[in-house]
Amino acid sequence: MPVNLPYLSSPGTIKTALDRIRAAATPERVTHDFVQTRLQMKGGTGASIPPFLKKIGFVNSDGSPSGIYHKFRNAQTAAAAIAEAVRLGYRELFEANEYCYDLGDRELHSLICQVTGAATDSSVARLTVSTFRNLRDLADFNAQSRSLDLVEESDRPTPLSIPTGTSENQSLGLNLSYTINLNLPATADQAVFNAIFRSLREHLLNGR
């Protein structure tokens, strides 16, 4: 089954769009009007931006800005957000070669033709290479890897020793403890981990 990878007919416009997204206030919906009026990208170029942003996960199916969109507007997480978007939008490339972002243009073109089934002289394959490269130049895949490493570390069972804390046990010199193995979800969202450990502290670590 043929694979269709995201591309723009004017690949360089994605950098312009992203620069203006960072500067503009976040809208409720990323619409054609928003792109034309707020991002000042008109005509066919502007019309191609909203659907492209959906394909790379910047915009949800209903047009609302996604978590990636919000992370991109934070200067501290912008490059990691682009890496996340590239991994999402070009998932099939990463399945074929997890280090596809390190490939030269010729190797990347060959990989795209392999994945999509396009002819080697295909203009779509050429535009896909250029679009991918423009996004890749803005991405920090090392930051994305560090984030994934933290998640993998968190997935390991975490032993928690919880003393019973009763006077009877203390008088007998008896120390009882329970070991709880936590299988944490595969997410880089710190708020999820905060909520899990806050619940543990409230319900299990309060000494009752």
N, C-alpha and C. Protein backbone atom coordinates (compact mmCIF):
# COMPACT_ATOMS: atom_id res chain seq x y z
N MET A 1 0.84 -1.19 0.00
CA MET A 1 0.00 0.00 0.00
C MET A 1 0.87 1.24 0.00
N PRO A 2 0.68 2.16 -0.97
CA PRO A 2 1.53 3.34 -1.06
C PRO A 2 1.42 4.21 0.19
N VAL A 3 2.55 4.81 0.57
CA VAL A 3 2.60 5.71 1.73
C VAL A 3 2.73 7.14 1.21
N ASN A 4 1.91 8.02 1.74
CA ASN A 4 1.98 9.43 1.38
C ASN A 4 2.60 10.21 2.52
N LEU A 5 3.79 10.74 2.30
CA LEU A 5 4.47 11.53 3.32
C LEU A 5 4.15 13.02 3.14
N PRO A 6 4.13 13.78 4.23
CA PRO A 6 3.80 15.21 4.12
C PRO A 6 4.86 15.99 3.35
N TYR A 7 4.41 16.90 2.53
CA TYR A 7 5.34 17.80 1.82
C TYR A 7 4.60 19.08 1.44
N LEU A 8 5.37 20.11 1.16
CA LEU A 8 4.82 21.38 0.70
C LEU A 8 5.38 21.69 -0.68
N SER A 9 4.58 22.31 -1.52
CA SER A 9 5.05 22.66 -2.86
C SER A 9 6.10 23.76 -2.81
N SER A 10 6.09 24.54 -1.71
CA SER A 10 7.15 25.53 -1.45
C SER A 10 7.74 25.19 -0.09
N PRO A 11 8.67 24.24 -0.03
CA PRO A 11 9.14 23.70 1.25
C PRO A 11 9.65 24.74 2.24
N GLY A 12 10.28 25.79 1.75
CA GLY A 12 10.84 26.80 2.64
C GLY A 12 9.80 27.57 3.43
N THR A 13 8.54 27.52 2.99
CA THR A 13 7.50 28.28 3.69
C THR A 13 7.19 27.73 5.08
N ILE A 14 7.59 26.49 5.36
CA ILE A 14 7.31 25.96 6.69
C ILE A 14 8.11 26.71 7.74
N LYS A 15 9.34 27.13 7.41
CA LYS A 15 10.13 27.91 8.36
C LYS A 15 9.47 29.26 8.63
N THR A 16 8.96 29.88 7.56
CA THR A 16 8.27 31.16 7.72
C THR A 16 7.04 30.99 8.61
N ALA A 17 6.27 29.93 8.34
CA ALA A 17 5.05 29.68 9.12
C ALA A 17 5.37 29.46 10.59
N LEU A 18 6.41 28.68 10.86
CA LEU A 18 6.75 28.38 12.25
C LEU A 18 7.28 29.61 12.98
N ASP A 19 8.06 30.41 12.30
CA ASP A 19 8.53 31.66 12.91
C ASP A 19 7.36 32.55 13.31
N ARG A 20 6.35 32.63 12.44
CA ARG A 20 5.21 33.50 12.72
C ARG A 20 4.26 32.88 13.74
N ILE A 21 4.20 31.56 13.77
CA ILE A 21 3.41 30.88 14.81
C ILE A 21 3.97 31.19 16.18
N ARG A 22 5.30 31.19 16.29
CA ARG A 22 5.92 31.48 17.58
C ARG A 22 5.63 32.91 18.02
N ALA A 23 5.56 33.83 17.08
CA ALA A 23 5.35 35.24 17.42
C ALA A 23 3.89 35.57 17.68
N ALA A 24 2.97 34.87 17.01
CA ALA A 24 1.54 35.18 17.12
C ALA A 24 0.94 34.54 18.37
N ALA A 25 -0.15 35.14 18.84
CA ALA A 25 -0.90 34.53 19.95
C ALA A 25 -1.51 33.22 19.48
N THR A 26 -1.64 32.27 20.39
CA THR A 26 -2.21 30.96 20.04
C THR A 26 -3.71 31.10 19.80
N PRO A 27 -4.19 30.68 18.63
CA PRO A 27 -5.63 30.80 18.34
C PRO A 27 -6.40 29.60 18.88
N GLU A 28 -7.71 29.72 18.92
CA GLU A 28 -8.54 28.56 19.28
C GLU A 28 -8.50 27.52 18.17
N ARG A 29 -8.45 27.98 16.92
CA ARG A 29 -8.38 27.09 15.77
C ARG A 29 -7.36 27.64 14.78
N VAL A 30 -6.58 26.75 14.19
CA VAL A 30 -5.65 27.15 13.14
C VAL A 30 -6.38 27.01 11.82
N THR A 31 -6.96 28.09 11.38
CA THR A 31 -7.78 28.10 10.17
C THR A 31 -7.06 28.81 9.03
N HIS A 32 -7.68 28.75 7.86
CA HIS A 32 -7.15 29.48 6.72
C HIS A 32 -7.13 30.98 7.00
N ASP A 33 -8.17 31.48 7.69
CA ASP A 33 -8.21 32.90 8.03
C ASP A 33 -7.08 33.28 8.97
N PHE A 34 -6.79 32.40 9.95
CA PHE A 34 -5.69 32.68 10.88
C PHE A 34 -4.37 32.77 10.12
N VAL A 35 -4.15 31.83 9.20
CA VAL A 35 -2.90 31.81 8.43
C VAL A 35 -2.79 33.06 7.56
N GLN A 36 -3.89 33.44 6.92
CA GLN A 36 -3.86 34.61 6.05
C GLN A 36 -3.72 35.91 6.83
N THR A 37 -4.48 36.04 7.92
CA THR A 37 -4.54 37.30 8.64
C THR A 37 -3.42 37.45 9.65
N ARG A 38 -3.24 36.44 10.51
CA ARG A 38 -2.25 36.54 11.57
C ARG A 38 -0.84 36.17 11.12
N LEU A 39 -0.75 35.15 10.30
CA LEU A 39 0.57 34.73 9.83
C LEU A 39 0.99 35.43 8.55
N GLN A 40 0.03 36.13 7.95
CA GLN A 40 0.30 36.90 6.73
C GLN A 40 0.86 36.02 5.61
N MET A 41 0.24 34.84 5.45
CA MET A 41 0.63 33.93 4.38
C MET A 41 -0.60 33.68 3.52
N LYS A 42 -0.60 34.24 2.33
CA LYS A 42 -1.80 34.26 1.51
C LYS A 42 -1.69 33.32 0.32
N GLY A 43 -2.80 33.21 -0.41
CA GLY A 43 -2.83 32.40 -1.62
C GLY A 43 -2.69 30.92 -1.35
N GLY A 44 -2.19 30.22 -2.36
CA GLY A 44 -2.05 28.77 -2.25
C GLY A 44 -1.05 28.36 -1.18
N THR A 45 -0.02 29.19 -0.99
CA THR A 45 0.98 28.89 0.03
C THR A 45 0.34 28.84 1.41
N GLY A 46 -0.46 29.86 1.72
CA GLY A 46 -1.13 29.91 3.01
C GLY A 46 -2.14 28.79 3.17
N ALA A 47 -2.85 28.48 2.08
CA ALA A 47 -3.88 27.44 2.14
C ALA A 47 -3.29 26.06 2.44
N SER A 48 -2.04 25.84 2.10
CA SER A 48 -1.42 24.53 2.30
C SER A 48 -0.92 24.33 3.73
N ILE A 49 -0.82 25.40 4.51
CA ILE A 49 -0.23 25.30 5.84
C ILE A 49 -1.10 24.54 6.84
N PRO A 50 -2.41 24.88 7.01
CA PRO A 50 -3.21 24.15 8.01
C PRO A 50 -3.23 22.64 7.82
N PRO A 51 -3.48 22.12 6.61
CA PRO A 51 -3.47 20.66 6.46
C PRO A 51 -2.10 20.04 6.72
N PHE A 52 -1.04 20.76 6.37
CA PHE A 52 0.30 20.24 6.63
C PHE A 52 0.56 20.16 8.12
N LEU A 53 0.14 21.20 8.86
CA LEU A 53 0.33 21.20 10.31
C LEU A 53 -0.43 20.06 10.98
N LYS A 54 -1.57 19.69 10.42
CA LYS A 54 -2.31 18.54 10.95
C LYS A 54 -1.53 17.25 10.74
N LYS A 55 -0.91 17.13 9.58
CA LYS A 55 -0.20 15.89 9.25
C LYS A 55 1.01 15.67 10.15
N ILE A 56 1.63 16.76 10.64
CA ILE A 56 2.80 16.60 11.50
C ILE A 56 2.45 16.76 12.98
N GLY A 57 1.16 16.79 13.29
CA GLY A 57 0.74 16.78 14.69
C GLY A 57 0.75 18.11 15.39
N PHE A 58 0.96 19.21 14.67
CA PHE A 58 0.92 20.54 15.29
C PHE A 58 -0.51 20.96 15.58
N VAL A 59 -1.43 20.45 14.79
CA VAL A 59 -2.84 20.83 14.90
C VAL A 59 -3.68 19.56 14.99
N ASN A 60 -4.65 19.56 15.88
CA ASN A 60 -5.56 18.43 16.02
C ASN A 60 -6.54 18.37 14.85
N SER A 61 -7.26 17.27 14.76
CA SER A 61 -8.18 17.08 13.63
C SER A 61 -9.28 18.14 13.58
N ASP A 62 -9.62 18.72 14.75
CA ASP A 62 -10.65 19.75 14.79
C ASP A 62 -10.08 21.15 14.56
N GLY A 63 -8.79 21.23 14.29
CA GLY A 63 -8.16 22.52 14.02
C GLY A 63 -7.56 23.19 15.23
N SER A 64 -7.77 22.62 16.41
CA SER A 64 -7.22 23.23 17.63
C SER A 64 -5.72 22.94 17.73
N PRO A 65 -4.95 23.88 18.29
CA PRO A 65 -3.51 23.66 18.47
C PRO A 65 -3.26 22.46 19.40
N SER A 66 -2.32 21.63 19.04
CA SER A 66 -2.02 20.43 19.82
C SER A 66 -0.98 20.74 20.90
N GLY A 67 -0.66 19.72 21.68
CA GLY A 67 0.40 19.86 22.67
C GLY A 67 1.74 20.20 22.03
N ILE A 68 2.00 19.64 20.86
CA ILE A 68 3.24 19.95 20.15
C ILE A 68 3.28 21.43 19.79
N TYR A 69 2.16 21.97 19.34
CA TYR A 69 2.05 23.40 19.00
C TYR A 69 2.42 24.25 20.20
N HIS A 70 1.84 23.92 21.36
CA HIS A 70 2.10 24.70 22.58
C HIS A 70 3.56 24.58 23.01
N LYS A 71 4.12 23.36 22.92
CA LYS A 71 5.52 23.18 23.31
C LYS A 71 6.45 23.93 22.37
N PHE A 72 6.08 24.02 21.10
CA PHE A 72 6.91 24.74 20.14
C PHE A 72 6.99 26.22 20.48
N ARG A 73 5.94 26.79 21.02
CA ARG A 73 5.93 28.22 21.34
C ARG A 73 6.76 28.55 22.58
N ASN A 74 7.21 27.53 23.29
CA ASN A 74 8.12 27.71 24.41
C ASN A 74 9.54 27.57 23.87
N ALA A 75 10.33 28.61 24.00
CA ALA A 75 11.69 28.59 23.43
C ALA A 75 12.53 27.45 23.97
N GLN A 76 12.25 27.02 25.20
CA GLN A 76 13.04 25.96 25.82
C GLN A 76 12.73 24.57 25.24
N THR A 77 11.54 24.41 24.68
CA THR A 77 11.14 23.08 24.18
C THR A 77 10.82 23.09 22.68
N ALA A 78 11.08 24.20 22.02
CA ALA A 78 10.70 24.34 20.61
C ALA A 78 11.37 23.30 19.72
N ALA A 79 12.69 23.14 19.86
CA ALA A 79 13.42 22.21 18.98
C ALA A 79 13.00 20.77 19.24
N ALA A 80 12.74 20.42 20.49
CA ALA A 80 12.27 19.07 20.81
C ALA A 80 10.87 18.85 20.25
N ALA A 81 10.04 19.90 20.26
CA ALA A 81 8.69 19.79 19.71
C ALA A 81 8.74 19.52 18.21
N ILE A 82 9.65 20.18 17.51
CA ILE A 82 9.80 19.93 16.07
C ILE A 82 10.24 18.48 15.83
N ALA A 83 11.17 18.00 16.65
CA ALA A 83 11.61 16.61 16.51
C ALA A 83 10.44 15.65 16.71
N GLU A 84 9.60 15.94 17.68
CA GLU A 84 8.43 15.12 17.93
C GLU A 84 7.48 15.14 16.72
N ALA A 85 7.31 16.33 16.14
CA ALA A 85 6.43 16.47 14.97
C ALA A 85 6.99 15.70 13.77
N VAL A 86 8.29 15.77 13.58
CA VAL A 86 8.92 15.05 12.46
C VAL A 86 8.76 13.54 12.64
N ARG A 87 8.98 13.06 13.85
CA ARG A 87 8.80 11.63 14.11
C ARG A 87 7.37 11.19 13.86
N LEU A 88 6.42 12.05 14.17
CA LEU A 88 5.01 11.72 13.97
C LEU A 88 4.62 11.79 12.49
N GLY A 89 4.98 12.88 11.84
CA GLY A 89 4.57 13.07 10.45
C GLY A 89 5.27 12.15 9.47
N TYR A 90 6.50 11.76 9.81
CA TYR A 90 7.29 10.91 8.92
C TYR A 90 7.58 9.56 9.59
N ARG A 91 6.57 9.05 10.27
CA ARG A 91 6.71 7.81 11.04
C ARG A 91 7.26 6.67 10.19
N GLU A 92 6.79 6.56 8.96
CA GLU A 92 7.22 5.45 8.11
C GLU A 92 8.72 5.52 7.78
N LEU A 93 9.25 6.74 7.68
CA LEU A 93 10.69 6.87 7.45
C LEU A 93 11.47 6.37 8.66
N PHE A 94 11.00 6.70 9.85
CA PHE A 94 11.69 6.27 11.07
C PHE A 94 11.57 4.77 11.28
N GLU A 95 10.46 4.19 10.80
CA GLU A 95 10.33 2.74 10.89
C GLU A 95 11.33 2.05 9.98
N ALA A 96 11.63 2.68 8.85
CA ALA A 96 12.59 2.10 7.90
C ALA A 96 14.03 2.37 8.33
N ASN A 97 14.26 3.52 8.96
CA ASN A 97 15.60 3.90 9.42
C ASN A 97 15.44 4.89 10.56
N GLU A 98 15.68 4.45 11.78
CA GLU A 98 15.43 5.31 12.94
C GLU A 98 16.33 6.54 12.98
N TYR A 99 17.42 6.52 12.19
CA TYR A 99 18.32 7.67 12.12
C TYR A 99 18.20 8.38 10.78
N CYS A 100 17.03 8.37 10.21
CA CYS A 100 16.83 8.98 8.89
C CYS A 100 17.16 10.47 8.89
N TYR A 101 17.06 11.12 10.04
CA TYR A 101 17.35 12.55 10.10
C TYR A 101 18.84 12.84 9.95
N ASP A 102 19.68 11.81 10.04
CA ASP A 102 21.12 11.98 9.86
C ASP A 102 21.57 11.69 8.43
N LEU A 103 20.66 11.27 7.57
CA LEU A 103 21.02 10.91 6.21
C LEU A 103 21.30 12.15 5.36
N GLY A 104 22.20 11.99 4.40
CA GLY A 104 22.42 13.04 3.41
C GLY A 104 21.25 13.08 2.45
N ASP A 105 21.21 14.12 1.61
CA ASP A 105 20.08 14.30 0.72
C ASP A 105 19.88 13.11 -0.22
N ARG A 106 20.96 12.56 -0.75
CA ARG A 106 20.84 11.45 -1.69
C ARG A 106 20.27 10.21 -1.00
N GLU A 107 20.81 9.91 0.18
CA GLU A 107 20.33 8.75 0.93
C GLU A 107 18.88 8.95 1.39
N LEU A 108 18.57 10.17 1.80
CA LEU A 108 17.20 10.47 2.23
C LEU A 108 16.23 10.33 1.06
N HIS A 109 16.64 10.80 -0.11
CA HIS A 109 15.80 10.68 -1.31
C HIS A 109 15.54 9.21 -1.63
N SER A 110 16.58 8.39 -1.54
CA SER A 110 16.43 6.96 -1.82
C SER A 110 15.48 6.31 -0.82
N LEU A 111 15.59 6.71 0.46
CA LEU A 111 14.72 6.14 1.49
C LEU A 111 13.27 6.55 1.25
N ILE A 112 13.05 7.79 0.88
CA ILE A 112 11.69 8.26 0.61
C ILE A 112 11.09 7.52 -0.58
N CYS A 113 11.88 7.33 -1.62
CA CYS A 113 11.39 6.56 -2.78
C CYS A 113 11.08 5.12 -2.38
N GLN A 114 11.90 4.55 -1.52
CA GLN A 114 11.67 3.19 -1.04
C GLN A 114 10.36 3.09 -0.28
N VAL A 115 10.13 4.04 0.63
CA VAL A 115 8.95 3.99 1.50
C VAL A 115 7.67 4.32 0.74
N THR A 116 7.75 5.30 -0.15
CA THR A 116 6.54 5.75 -0.85
C THR A 116 6.29 5.02 -2.17
N GLY A 117 7.32 4.40 -2.69
CA GLY A 117 7.18 3.75 -4.00
C GLY A 117 7.28 4.72 -5.15
N ALA A 118 7.72 5.96 -4.87
CA ALA A 118 7.82 6.99 -5.92
C ALA A 118 8.98 6.68 -6.86
N ALA A 119 8.87 7.16 -8.10
CA ALA A 119 9.96 7.04 -9.05
C ALA A 119 11.12 7.94 -8.61
N THR A 120 12.31 7.58 -9.01
CA THR A 120 13.48 8.35 -8.58
C THR A 120 13.48 9.78 -9.11
N ASP A 121 12.77 10.01 -10.22
CA ASP A 121 12.71 11.36 -10.77
C ASP A 121 11.41 12.08 -10.37
N SER A 122 10.73 11.56 -9.35
CA SER A 122 9.46 12.14 -8.91
C SER A 122 9.67 13.51 -8.27
N SER A 123 8.87 14.48 -8.70
CA SER A 123 8.94 15.81 -8.11
C SER A 123 8.42 15.79 -6.67
N VAL A 124 7.46 14.90 -6.40
CA VAL A 124 6.93 14.79 -5.04
C VAL A 124 8.01 14.29 -4.09
N ALA A 125 8.80 13.31 -4.53
CA ALA A 125 9.90 12.81 -3.69
C ALA A 125 10.90 13.91 -3.42
N ARG A 126 11.18 14.71 -4.44
CA ARG A 126 12.13 15.82 -4.27
C ARG A 126 11.60 16.85 -3.29
N LEU A 127 10.32 17.18 -3.40
CA LEU A 127 9.72 18.15 -2.48
C LEU A 127 9.64 17.60 -1.06
N THR A 128 9.42 16.30 -0.95
CA THR A 128 9.37 15.68 0.37
C THR A 128 10.73 15.76 1.05
N VAL A 129 11.79 15.51 0.29
CA VAL A 129 13.15 15.63 0.82
C VAL A 129 13.38 17.05 1.34
N SER A 130 13.02 18.04 0.54
CA SER A 130 13.25 19.43 0.90
C SER A 130 12.42 19.85 2.12
N THR A 131 11.17 19.41 2.15
CA THR A 131 10.30 19.74 3.29
C THR A 131 10.84 19.11 4.57
N PHE A 132 11.20 17.84 4.49
CA PHE A 132 11.77 17.13 5.63
C PHE A 132 13.03 17.83 6.12
N ARG A 133 13.88 18.23 5.18
CA ARG A 133 15.15 18.87 5.54
C ARG A 133 14.91 20.20 6.25
N ASN A 134 13.92 20.97 5.79
CA ASN A 134 13.61 22.25 6.43
C ASN A 134 13.15 22.06 7.87
N LEU A 135 12.37 21.02 8.13
CA LEU A 135 11.95 20.72 9.49
C LEU A 135 13.12 20.19 10.32
N ARG A 136 13.90 19.33 9.71
CA ARG A 136 15.03 18.73 10.41
C ARG A 136 16.01 19.80 10.90
N ASP A 137 16.20 20.84 10.12
CA ASP A 137 17.14 21.89 10.50
C ASP A 137 16.69 22.63 11.76
N LEU A 138 15.40 22.57 12.07
CA LEU A 138 14.87 23.26 13.25
C LEU A 138 14.74 22.34 14.46
N ALA A 139 14.98 21.06 14.26
CA ALA A 139 14.70 20.06 15.30
C ALA A 139 15.95 19.70 16.10
N ASP A 140 15.72 19.31 17.34
CA ASP A 140 16.79 18.78 18.19
C ASP A 140 16.41 17.35 18.56
N PHE A 141 16.91 16.40 17.78
CA PHE A 141 16.58 15.00 18.03
C PHE A 141 17.31 14.46 19.25
N ASN A 142 18.40 15.09 19.65
CA ASN A 142 19.08 14.67 20.87
C ASN A 142 18.22 14.99 22.08
N ALA A 143 17.56 16.15 22.05
CA ALA A 143 16.65 16.50 23.15
C ALA A 143 15.51 15.51 23.22
N GLN A 144 15.00 15.11 22.05
CA GLN A 144 13.92 14.13 22.01
C GLN A 144 14.41 12.80 22.57
N SER A 145 15.65 12.42 22.26
CA SER A 145 16.19 11.16 22.75
C SER A 145 16.37 11.20 24.26
N ARG A 146 16.84 12.33 24.77
CA ARG A 146 17.00 12.46 26.22
C ARG A 146 15.66 12.32 26.92
N SER A 147 14.62 12.91 26.31
CA SER A 147 13.28 12.82 26.90
C SER A 147 12.81 11.38 26.91
N LEU A 148 13.06 10.65 25.82
CA LEU A 148 12.64 9.25 25.74
C LEU A 148 13.42 8.40 26.74
N ASP A 149 14.72 8.73 26.94
CA ASP A 149 15.52 7.98 27.91
C ASP A 149 14.95 8.14 29.31
N LEU A 150 14.50 9.35 29.64
CA LEU A 150 13.92 9.58 30.96
C LEU A 150 12.64 8.77 31.14
N VAL A 151 11.85 8.68 30.09
CA VAL A 151 10.62 7.89 30.16
C VAL A 151 10.94 6.43 30.36
N GLU A 152 11.94 5.91 29.62
CA GLU A 152 12.30 4.51 29.75
C GLU A 152 12.81 4.22 31.17
N GLU A 153 13.57 5.15 31.73
CA GLU A 153 14.06 4.98 33.09
C GLU A 153 12.89 4.95 34.07
N SER A 154 11.90 5.78 33.81
CA SER A 154 10.73 5.84 34.69
C SER A 154 9.87 4.60 34.58
N ASP A 155 9.96 3.90 33.45
CA ASP A 155 9.15 2.69 33.25
C ASP A 155 9.63 1.53 34.11
N ARG A 156 10.84 1.61 34.63
CA ARG A 156 11.35 0.51 35.43
C ARG A 156 10.61 0.46 36.76
N PRO A 157 10.31 -0.75 37.25
CA PRO A 157 9.61 -0.85 38.54
C PRO A 157 10.37 -0.11 39.62
N THR A 158 9.67 0.69 40.38
CA THR A 158 10.27 1.48 41.45
C THR A 158 9.87 0.91 42.80
N PRO A 159 10.83 0.34 43.54
CA PRO A 159 10.47 -0.21 44.85
C PRO A 159 10.24 0.90 45.85
N LEU A 160 9.15 0.80 46.59
CA LEU A 160 8.83 1.76 47.65
C LEU A 160 8.69 0.99 48.95
N SER A 161 9.51 1.29 49.92
CA SER A 161 9.41 0.67 51.23
C SER A 161 8.58 1.57 52.12
N ILE A 162 7.44 1.04 52.62
CA ILE A 162 6.50 1.83 53.39
C ILE A 162 6.40 1.24 54.80
N PRO A 163 7.01 1.86 55.81
CA PRO A 163 6.92 1.35 57.18
C PRO A 163 5.49 1.40 57.67
N THR A 164 5.11 0.40 58.50
CA THR A 164 3.76 0.41 59.04
C THR A 164 3.59 1.51 60.07
N GLY A 165 4.66 1.83 60.81
CA GLY A 165 4.62 2.96 61.73
C GLY A 165 3.80 2.72 62.98
N THR A 166 3.40 1.48 63.33
CA THR A 166 2.59 1.23 64.52
C THR A 166 3.49 1.08 65.74
N SER A 167 2.99 1.53 66.91
CA SER A 167 3.78 1.45 68.13
C SER A 167 4.03 0.01 68.53
N GLU A 168 3.05 -0.88 68.23
CA GLU A 168 3.20 -2.29 68.60
C GLU A 168 4.40 -2.90 67.90
N ASN A 169 4.52 -2.63 66.61
CA ASN A 169 5.65 -3.16 65.86
C ASN A 169 6.97 -2.59 66.36
N GLN A 170 6.95 -1.28 66.72
CA GLN A 170 8.18 -0.67 67.18
C GLN A 170 8.62 -1.26 68.52
N SER A 171 7.65 -1.54 69.41
CA SER A 171 8.00 -2.09 70.71
C SER A 171 8.56 -3.50 70.59
N LEU A 172 8.14 -4.21 69.56
CA LEU A 172 8.64 -5.57 69.35
C LEU A 172 9.94 -5.58 68.57
N GLY A 173 10.35 -4.40 68.12
CA GLY A 173 11.55 -4.34 67.29
C GLY A 173 11.34 -4.94 65.93
N LEU A 174 10.08 -4.94 65.50
CA LEU A 174 9.73 -5.56 64.23
C LEU A 174 9.50 -4.48 63.19
N ASN A 175 10.21 -4.54 62.08
CA ASN A 175 10.05 -3.58 60.99
C ASN A 175 9.44 -4.28 59.80
N LEU A 176 8.23 -3.90 59.46
CA LEU A 176 7.55 -4.45 58.30
C LEU A 176 7.56 -3.44 57.17
N SER A 177 7.67 -3.92 55.96
CA SER A 177 7.63 -3.01 54.81
C SER A 177 6.97 -3.71 53.64
N TYR A 178 6.44 -2.90 52.74
CA TYR A 178 5.83 -3.42 51.52
C TYR A 178 6.64 -2.90 50.34
N THR A 179 6.79 -3.72 49.34
CA THR A 179 7.44 -3.29 48.11
C THR A 179 6.40 -3.18 47.01
N ILE A 180 6.27 -1.99 46.45
CA ILE A 180 5.29 -1.76 45.38
C ILE A 180 6.05 -1.48 44.09
N ASN A 181 5.75 -2.24 43.06
CA ASN A 181 6.35 -2.01 41.75
C ASN A 181 5.44 -1.13 40.91
N LEU A 182 5.97 0.00 40.50
CA LEU A 182 5.19 0.94 39.69
C LEU A 182 5.57 0.79 38.24
N ASN A 183 4.60 0.59 37.38
CA ASN A 183 4.81 0.62 35.94
C ASN A 183 4.26 1.94 35.43
N LEU A 184 5.14 2.91 35.26
CA LEU A 184 4.71 4.25 34.88
C LEU A 184 4.41 4.31 33.39
N PRO A 185 3.46 5.15 33.00
CA PRO A 185 3.08 5.25 31.58
C PRO A 185 4.20 5.84 30.73
N ALA A 186 4.20 5.44 29.46
CA ALA A 186 5.20 5.95 28.52
C ALA A 186 4.81 7.34 28.06
N THR A 187 5.17 8.33 28.83
CA THR A 187 4.87 9.72 28.47
C THR A 187 5.99 10.61 28.97
N ALA A 188 6.24 11.68 28.25
CA ALA A 188 7.23 12.66 28.67
C ALA A 188 6.59 13.83 29.39
N ASP A 189 5.29 13.73 29.67
CA ASP A 189 4.57 14.81 30.34
C ASP A 189 4.82 14.74 31.84
N GLN A 190 5.58 15.70 32.36
CA GLN A 190 5.94 15.69 33.78
C GLN A 190 4.71 15.78 34.67
N ALA A 191 3.64 16.41 34.18
CA ALA A 191 2.43 16.56 35.00
C ALA A 191 1.83 15.20 35.35
N VAL A 192 1.95 14.23 34.44
CA VAL A 192 1.41 12.89 34.70
C VAL A 192 2.15 12.25 35.86
N PHE A 193 3.50 12.33 35.84
CA PHE A 193 4.29 11.76 36.91
C PHE A 193 4.01 12.46 38.24
N ASN A 194 3.87 13.80 38.20
CA ASN A 194 3.59 14.55 39.43
C ASN A 194 2.28 14.09 40.06
N ALA A 195 1.27 13.86 39.22
CA ALA A 195 -0.04 13.44 39.72
C ALA A 195 0.04 12.05 40.34
N ILE A 196 0.81 11.14 39.72
CA ILE A 196 0.93 9.77 40.24
C ILE A 196 1.58 9.77 41.61
N PHE A 197 2.71 10.49 41.73
CA PHE A 197 3.43 10.46 43.00
C PHE A 197 2.73 11.28 44.07
N ARG A 198 1.97 12.29 43.68
CA ARG A 198 1.18 13.04 44.65
C ARG A 198 0.10 12.14 45.25
N SER A 199 -0.52 11.30 44.39
CA SER A 199 -1.54 10.38 44.86
C SER A 199 -0.94 9.33 45.78
N LEU A 200 0.26 8.83 45.44
CA LEU A 200 0.93 7.86 46.31
C LEU A 200 1.22 8.47 47.69
N ARG A 201 1.71 9.71 47.66
CA ARG A 201 2.04 10.36 48.92
C ARG A 201 0.80 10.55 49.79
N GLU A 202 -0.31 10.92 49.17
CA GLU A 202 -1.55 11.20 49.92
C GLU A 202 -2.17 9.93 50.48
N HIS A 203 -2.11 8.82 49.71
CA HIS A 203 -2.86 7.63 50.09
C HIS A 203 -2.01 6.52 50.71
N LEU A 204 -0.71 6.52 50.42
CA LEU A 204 0.12 5.41 50.92
C LEU A 204 1.24 5.85 51.84
N LEU A 205 1.72 7.07 51.70
CA LEU A 205 2.90 7.50 52.43
C LEU A 205 2.57 8.45 53.58
N ASN A 206 1.33 8.46 54.01
CA ASN A 206 0.93 9.39 55.06
C ASN A 206 1.04 8.81 56.46
N GLY A 207 1.56 7.60 56.54
CA GLY A 207 1.83 7.01 57.86
C GLY A 207 0.62 6.41 58.54
N ARG A 208 -0.54 6.32 57.86
CA ARG A 208 -1.72 5.74 58.46
C ARG A 208 -1.60 4.22 58.57
